Amino acid sequence: MAKTNFQYEKRQRELEKKRKAEEKARRKAEMKANGGARPESEEDEEEEPGSVPAIGQEPDSDES
């Protein structure tokens, strides 16, 4: 059986952290440029279809 390549996995984790940090910095710069308002595209992405409804909300179902 082959040995696990831990260096590769560590590098992938580091790249993912770097990508997330760059994305966060980009969003922060956009918010600063927009005066603190969230961009329209992010508001639409917040609620995904099939997600669990918040407490107190009725789930959407086709059951009759």
N, C-alpha and C. Protein backbone atom coordinates (compact mmCIF):
# COMPACT_ATOMS: atom_id res chain seq x y z
N MET A 1 0.84 -1.18 0.00
CA MET A 1 0.00 0.00 0.00
C MET A 1 0.89 1.25 0.00
N ALA A 2 0.48 2.25 -0.76
CA ALA A 2 1.27 3.47 -0.90
C ALA A 2 1.15 4.34 0.35
N LYS A 3 2.20 5.07 0.61
CA LYS A 3 2.20 5.98 1.76
C LYS A 3 1.47 7.28 1.38
N THR A 4 0.84 7.88 2.36
CA THR A 4 0.14 9.14 2.14
C THR A 4 1.15 10.26 1.96
N ASN A 5 0.89 11.12 0.99
CA ASN A 5 1.77 12.24 0.72
C ASN A 5 1.30 13.44 1.55
N PHE A 6 1.79 13.54 2.78
CA PHE A 6 1.37 14.59 3.68
C PHE A 6 1.79 15.98 3.21
N GLN A 7 2.92 16.07 2.52
CA GLN A 7 3.36 17.37 2.02
C GLN A 7 2.37 17.93 1.00
N TYR A 8 1.86 17.07 0.13
CA TYR A 8 0.88 17.49 -0.87
C TYR A 8 -0.39 17.98 -0.17
N GLU A 9 -0.89 17.21 0.80
CA GLU A 9 -2.10 17.58 1.52
C GLU A 9 -1.92 18.90 2.26
N LYS A 10 -0.76 19.09 2.89
CA LYS A 10 -0.49 20.33 3.61
C LYS A 10 -0.47 21.51 2.64
N ARG A 11 0.16 21.33 1.50
CA ARG A 11 0.22 22.39 0.49
C ARG A 11 -1.19 22.76 0.00
N GLN A 12 -2.03 21.75 -0.19
CA GLN A 12 -3.40 22.02 -0.63
C GLN A 12 -4.17 22.80 0.44
N ARG A 13 -3.98 22.45 1.71
CA ARG A 13 -4.64 23.20 2.80
C ARG A 13 -4.16 24.64 2.83
N GLU A 14 -2.84 24.83 2.66
CA GLU A 14 -2.28 26.19 2.66
C GLU A 14 -2.84 27.00 1.49
N LEU A 15 -2.94 26.40 0.32
CA LEU A 15 -3.49 27.10 -0.84
C LEU A 15 -4.95 27.47 -0.61
N GLU A 16 -5.72 26.59 0.01
CA GLU A 16 -7.13 26.86 0.31
C GLU A 16 -7.25 28.01 1.30
N LYS A 17 -6.41 28.04 2.33
CA LYS A 17 -6.42 29.14 3.30
C LYS A 17 -6.09 30.46 2.61
N LYS A 18 -5.09 30.42 1.73
CA LYS A 18 -4.69 31.62 1.00
C LYS A 18 -5.81 32.12 0.10
N ARG A 19 -6.50 31.20 -0.59
CA ARG A 19 -7.60 31.57 -1.46
C ARG A 19 -8.74 32.20 -0.66
N LYS A 20 -9.05 31.61 0.49
CA LYS A 20 -10.12 32.15 1.33
C LYS A 20 -9.75 33.53 1.87
N ALA A 21 -8.49 33.72 2.26
CA ALA A 21 -8.05 35.01 2.77
C ALA A 21 -8.14 36.08 1.68
N GLU A 22 -7.76 35.72 0.45
CA GLU A 22 -7.85 36.67 -0.66
C GLU A 22 -9.30 37.02 -0.97
N GLU A 23 -10.19 36.03 -0.91
CA GLU A 23 -11.61 36.26 -1.15
C GLU A 23 -12.18 37.18 -0.07
N LYS A 24 -11.80 36.95 1.16
CA LYS A 24 -12.27 37.79 2.27
C LYS A 24 -11.78 39.22 2.11
N ALA A 25 -10.53 39.39 1.72
CA ALA A 25 -9.97 40.72 1.51
C ALA A 25 -10.68 41.42 0.36
N ARG A 26 -11.00 40.67 -0.69
CA ARG A 26 -11.72 41.25 -1.84
C ARG A 26 -13.11 41.71 -1.42
N ARG A 27 -13.82 40.86 -0.67
CA ARG A 27 -15.17 41.24 -0.21
C ARG A 27 -15.11 42.46 0.71
N LYS A 28 -14.11 42.50 1.57
CA LYS A 28 -13.96 43.62 2.49
C LYS A 28 -13.70 44.91 1.71
N ALA A 29 -12.88 44.84 0.67
CA ALA A 29 -12.60 46.02 -0.16
C ALA A 29 -13.85 46.47 -0.90
N GLU A 30 -14.65 45.50 -1.38
CA GLU A 30 -15.90 45.85 -2.06
C GLU A 30 -16.87 46.52 -1.11
N MET A 31 -16.97 46.01 0.11
CA MET A 31 -17.87 46.61 1.10
C MET A 31 -17.44 48.04 1.41
N LYS A 32 -16.13 48.25 1.53
CA LYS A 32 -15.62 49.59 1.81
C LYS A 32 -15.94 50.53 0.65
N ALA A 33 -15.80 50.03 -0.58
CA ALA A 33 -16.07 50.84 -1.77
C ALA A 33 -17.56 51.14 -1.92
N ASN A 34 -18.42 50.20 -1.47
CA ASN A 34 -19.87 50.36 -1.59
C ASN A 34 -20.48 51.06 -0.38
N GLY A 35 -19.68 51.51 0.52
CA GLY A 35 -20.20 52.20 1.69
C GLY A 35 -20.83 51.26 2.71
N GLY A 36 -20.41 50.01 2.76
CA GLY A 36 -20.90 49.06 3.73
C GLY A 36 -22.08 48.23 3.27
N ALA A 37 -22.61 48.50 2.10
CA ALA A 37 -23.74 47.72 1.59
C ALA A 37 -23.23 46.43 0.98
N ARG A 38 -23.97 45.35 1.19
CA ARG A 38 -23.60 44.07 0.61
C ARG A 38 -23.94 44.05 -0.87
N PRO A 39 -23.09 43.46 -1.70
CA PRO A 39 -23.41 43.35 -3.12
C PRO A 39 -24.64 42.48 -3.34
N GLU A 40 -25.39 42.76 -4.40
CA GLU A 40 -26.63 42.04 -4.70
C GLU A 40 -26.40 40.53 -4.86
N SER A 41 -25.30 40.14 -5.51
CA SER A 41 -25.08 38.73 -5.80
C SER A 41 -24.91 37.91 -4.52
N GLU A 42 -24.31 38.46 -3.48
CA GLU A 42 -24.12 37.71 -2.25
C GLU A 42 -25.43 37.54 -1.50
N GLU A 43 -26.35 38.50 -1.60
CA GLU A 43 -27.63 38.37 -0.93
C GLU A 43 -28.43 37.23 -1.53
N ASP A 44 -28.35 37.03 -2.83
CA ASP A 44 -29.07 35.95 -3.49
C ASP A 44 -28.50 34.59 -3.12
N GLU A 45 -27.20 34.51 -2.88
CA GLU A 45 -26.56 33.24 -2.59
C GLU A 45 -26.78 32.81 -1.15
N GLU A 46 -27.25 33.71 -0.30
CA GLU A 46 -27.36 33.41 1.11
C GLU A 46 -28.32 32.26 1.39
N GLU A 47 -29.49 32.23 0.73
CA GLU A 47 -30.46 31.18 0.95
C GLU A 47 -30.42 30.21 -0.22
N GLU A 48 -30.03 28.98 0.08
CA GLU A 48 -29.91 27.96 -0.95
C GLU A 48 -31.17 27.10 -0.97
N PRO A 49 -31.57 26.65 -2.13
CA PRO A 49 -32.71 25.74 -2.18
C PRO A 49 -32.37 24.44 -1.47
N GLY A 50 -33.33 23.93 -0.73
CA GLY A 50 -33.10 22.69 0.00
C GLY A 50 -32.44 22.91 1.34
N SER A 51 -32.24 24.16 1.73
CA SER A 51 -31.62 24.42 3.02
C SER A 51 -32.66 24.27 4.12
N VAL A 52 -32.19 24.11 5.33
CA VAL A 52 -33.06 23.95 6.48
C VAL A 52 -33.66 25.31 6.83
N PRO A 53 -35.00 25.39 7.00
CA PRO A 53 -35.62 26.68 7.33
C PRO A 53 -35.26 27.11 8.75
N ALA A 54 -35.30 28.41 8.97
CA ALA A 54 -35.02 28.95 10.28
C ALA A 54 -36.11 28.53 11.26
N ILE A 55 -35.81 28.61 12.53
CA ILE A 55 -36.78 28.23 13.56
C ILE A 55 -38.01 29.12 13.43
N GLY A 56 -39.18 28.48 13.45
CA GLY A 56 -40.42 29.23 13.36
C GLY A 56 -40.96 29.34 11.95
N GLN A 57 -40.20 28.95 10.95
CA GLN A 57 -40.66 29.01 9.57
C GLN A 57 -41.13 27.63 9.14
N GLU A 58 -42.14 27.62 8.29
CA GLU A 58 -42.65 26.37 7.76
C GLU A 58 -41.76 25.89 6.62
N PRO A 59 -41.40 24.62 6.60
CA PRO A 59 -40.61 24.11 5.47
C PRO A 59 -41.47 24.03 4.22
N ASP A 60 -40.86 24.31 3.07
CA ASP A 60 -41.58 24.19 1.80
C ASP A 60 -41.63 22.72 1.43
N SER A 61 -42.84 22.20 1.26
CA SER A 61 -42.97 20.81 0.87
C SER A 61 -44.15 20.65 -0.08
N ASP A 62 -44.11 19.58 -0.86
CA ASP A 62 -45.17 19.29 -1.82
C ASP A 62 -46.20 18.33 -1.25
N GLU A 63 -46.06 17.98 0.03
CA GLU A 63 -46.98 17.03 0.66
C GLU A 63 -48.33 17.68 0.87
N SER A 64 -49.40 16.92 0.56
CA SER A 64 -50.76 17.46 0.73
C SER A 64 -51.52 16.69 1.77
